[in-house]
Amino acid sequence: MKYIFIKEIWMVVVLAGMLLMVGSAFAECTYNGTTYAEGTVIGPYTCSGGEWVSN
């Protein structure tokens, strides 16, 4: 019984880790408290790799 419980917890931890990795693949940038998706252009800057870069 104890083995099954530990196995279930381990699976939950692995799945949570995988979801975190997938979520980090979609980089977002923040400007004035608002989050913008990758590729968003605001003035002379573009959101790229989670950072604002000059065009």
N, C-alpha and C. Protein backbone atom coordinates (compact mmCIF):
# COMPACT_ATOMS: atom_id res chain seq x y z
N MET A 1 0.83 -1.20 0.00
CA MET A 1 0.00 0.00 0.00
C MET A 1 0.87 1.26 0.00
N LYS A 2 1.90 1.25 0.83
CA LYS A 2 2.78 2.41 0.93
C LYS A 2 3.50 2.65 -0.39
N TYR A 3 3.90 1.59 -1.08
CA TYR A 3 4.60 1.70 -2.35
C TYR A 3 3.74 2.37 -3.41
N ILE A 4 2.47 2.01 -3.46
CA ILE A 4 1.55 2.59 -4.45
C ILE A 4 1.40 4.09 -4.21
N PHE A 5 1.29 4.51 -2.96
CA PHE A 5 1.14 5.93 -2.63
C PHE A 5 2.37 6.72 -3.07
N ILE A 6 3.55 6.19 -2.81
CA ILE A 6 4.80 6.86 -3.20
C ILE A 6 4.89 6.94 -4.72
N LYS A 7 4.50 5.88 -5.40
CA LYS A 7 4.53 5.87 -6.87
C LYS A 7 3.59 6.93 -7.43
N GLU A 8 2.41 7.10 -6.85
CA GLU A 8 1.46 8.12 -7.32
C GLU A 8 2.01 9.52 -7.11
N ILE A 9 2.62 9.76 -5.96
CA ILE A 9 3.20 11.08 -5.70
C ILE A 9 4.33 11.36 -6.69
N TRP A 10 5.16 10.37 -6.95
CA TRP A 10 6.26 10.55 -7.90
C TRP A 10 5.73 10.91 -9.28
N MET A 11 4.67 10.25 -9.72
CA MET A 11 4.08 10.54 -11.02
C MET A 11 3.54 11.97 -11.08
N VAL A 12 2.92 12.43 -10.01
CA VAL A 12 2.40 13.80 -9.97
C VAL A 12 3.55 14.80 -10.05
N VAL A 13 4.64 14.53 -9.35
CA VAL A 13 5.80 15.43 -9.38
C VAL A 13 6.39 15.48 -10.80
N VAL A 14 6.52 14.35 -11.44
CA VAL A 14 7.06 14.30 -12.80
C VAL A 14 6.16 15.05 -13.77
N LEU A 15 4.86 14.84 -13.69
CA LEU A 15 3.93 15.53 -14.58
C LEU A 15 3.95 17.05 -14.35
N ALA A 16 4.03 17.47 -13.10
CA ALA A 16 4.09 18.91 -12.80
C ALA A 16 5.36 19.50 -13.39
N GLY A 17 6.46 18.80 -13.28
CA GLY A 17 7.71 19.28 -13.86
C GLY A 17 7.63 19.41 -15.36
N MET A 18 7.00 18.45 -16.00
CA MET A 18 6.85 18.51 -17.45
C MET A 18 5.99 19.70 -17.86
N LEU A 19 4.93 19.95 -17.12
CA LEU A 19 4.08 21.10 -17.43
C LEU A 19 4.83 22.41 -17.27
N LEU A 20 5.68 22.50 -16.26
CA LEU A 20 6.47 23.72 -16.07
C LEU A 20 7.44 23.92 -17.22
N MET A 21 8.03 22.85 -17.72
CA MET A 21 8.97 22.97 -18.84
C MET A 21 8.25 23.40 -20.10
N VAL A 22 7.06 22.84 -20.35
CA VAL A 22 6.29 23.22 -21.53
C VAL A 22 5.86 24.67 -21.43
N GLY A 23 5.43 25.08 -20.25
CA GLY A 23 5.01 26.47 -20.06
C GLY A 23 6.14 27.45 -20.30
N SER A 24 7.35 27.10 -19.95
CA SER A 24 8.48 28.00 -20.13
C SER A 24 8.90 28.11 -21.59
N ALA A 25 8.42 27.21 -22.45
CA ALA A 25 8.75 27.27 -23.87
C ALA A 25 8.08 28.46 -24.54
N PHE A 26 7.01 28.95 -23.96
CA PHE A 26 6.30 30.08 -24.51
C PHE A 26 6.71 31.33 -23.74
N ALA A 27 7.78 31.98 -24.22
CA ALA A 27 8.31 33.14 -23.52
C ALA A 27 7.34 34.31 -23.63
N GLU A 28 7.24 35.06 -22.57
CA GLU A 28 6.39 36.24 -22.53
C GLU A 28 7.20 37.40 -21.99
N CYS A 29 6.82 38.60 -22.35
CA CYS A 29 7.47 39.81 -21.87
C CYS A 29 6.46 40.65 -21.09
N THR A 30 6.96 41.40 -20.14
CA THR A 30 6.09 42.27 -19.35
C THR A 30 6.46 43.73 -19.61
N TYR A 31 5.44 44.55 -19.77
CA TYR A 31 5.63 45.98 -19.98
C TYR A 31 4.53 46.72 -19.22
N ASN A 32 4.92 47.59 -18.31
CA ASN A 32 3.98 48.34 -17.48
C ASN A 32 2.96 47.43 -16.79
N GLY A 33 3.41 46.28 -16.30
CA GLY A 33 2.54 45.37 -15.57
C GLY A 33 1.66 44.49 -16.43
N THR A 34 1.76 44.59 -17.75
CA THR A 34 0.97 43.77 -18.65
C THR A 34 1.88 42.76 -19.33
N THR A 35 1.40 41.52 -19.44
CA THR A 35 2.18 40.46 -20.09
C THR A 35 1.81 40.37 -21.56
N TYR A 36 2.85 40.29 -22.40
CA TYR A 36 2.66 40.21 -23.84
C TYR A 36 3.29 38.93 -24.38
N ALA A 37 2.70 38.37 -25.44
CA ALA A 37 3.17 37.13 -26.05
C ALA A 37 4.44 37.38 -26.87
N GLU A 38 5.17 36.32 -27.08
CA GLU A 38 6.35 36.32 -27.93
C GLU A 38 5.99 36.91 -29.30
N GLY A 39 6.81 37.83 -29.81
CA GLY A 39 6.58 38.43 -31.13
C GLY A 39 5.82 39.74 -31.09
N THR A 40 5.30 40.13 -29.93
CA THR A 40 4.58 41.40 -29.82
C THR A 40 5.53 42.56 -30.06
N VAL A 41 5.08 43.55 -30.82
CA VAL A 41 5.87 44.74 -31.10
C VAL A 41 5.23 45.92 -30.40
N ILE A 42 6.02 46.64 -29.62
CA ILE A 42 5.57 47.87 -28.97
C ILE A 42 6.62 48.92 -29.27
N GLY A 43 6.22 49.89 -30.08
CA GLY A 43 7.16 50.93 -30.48
C GLY A 43 8.37 50.30 -31.17
N PRO A 44 9.57 50.65 -30.72
CA PRO A 44 10.78 50.12 -31.37
C PRO A 44 11.25 48.79 -30.78
N TYR A 45 10.42 48.13 -29.96
CA TYR A 45 10.84 46.89 -29.29
C TYR A 45 9.94 45.71 -29.66
N THR A 46 10.55 44.52 -29.71
CA THR A 46 9.84 43.28 -29.98
C THR A 46 10.12 42.30 -28.84
N CYS A 47 9.08 41.61 -28.40
CA CYS A 47 9.24 40.58 -27.37
C CYS A 47 9.89 39.36 -28.01
N SER A 48 11.08 39.02 -27.55
CA SER A 48 11.81 37.89 -28.11
C SER A 48 12.57 37.17 -27.00
N GLY A 49 12.26 35.90 -26.81
CA GLY A 49 12.94 35.12 -25.78
C GLY A 49 12.70 35.60 -24.38
N GLY A 50 11.55 36.22 -24.15
CA GLY A 50 11.21 36.71 -22.82
C GLY A 50 11.82 38.06 -22.50
N GLU A 51 12.39 38.72 -23.49
CA GLU A 51 13.00 40.04 -23.29
C GLU A 51 12.57 40.98 -24.42
N TRP A 52 12.59 42.27 -24.11
CA TRP A 52 12.30 43.27 -25.14
C TRP A 52 13.61 43.59 -25.87
N VAL A 53 13.60 43.41 -27.17
CA VAL A 53 14.80 43.70 -27.96
C VAL A 53 14.48 44.80 -28.96
N SER A 54 15.49 45.60 -29.25
CA SER A 54 15.33 46.71 -30.19
C SER A 54 15.17 46.19 -31.61
N ASN A 55 14.25 46.80 -32.37
CA ASN A 55 14.03 46.37 -33.77
C ASN A 55 15.15 46.84 -34.65
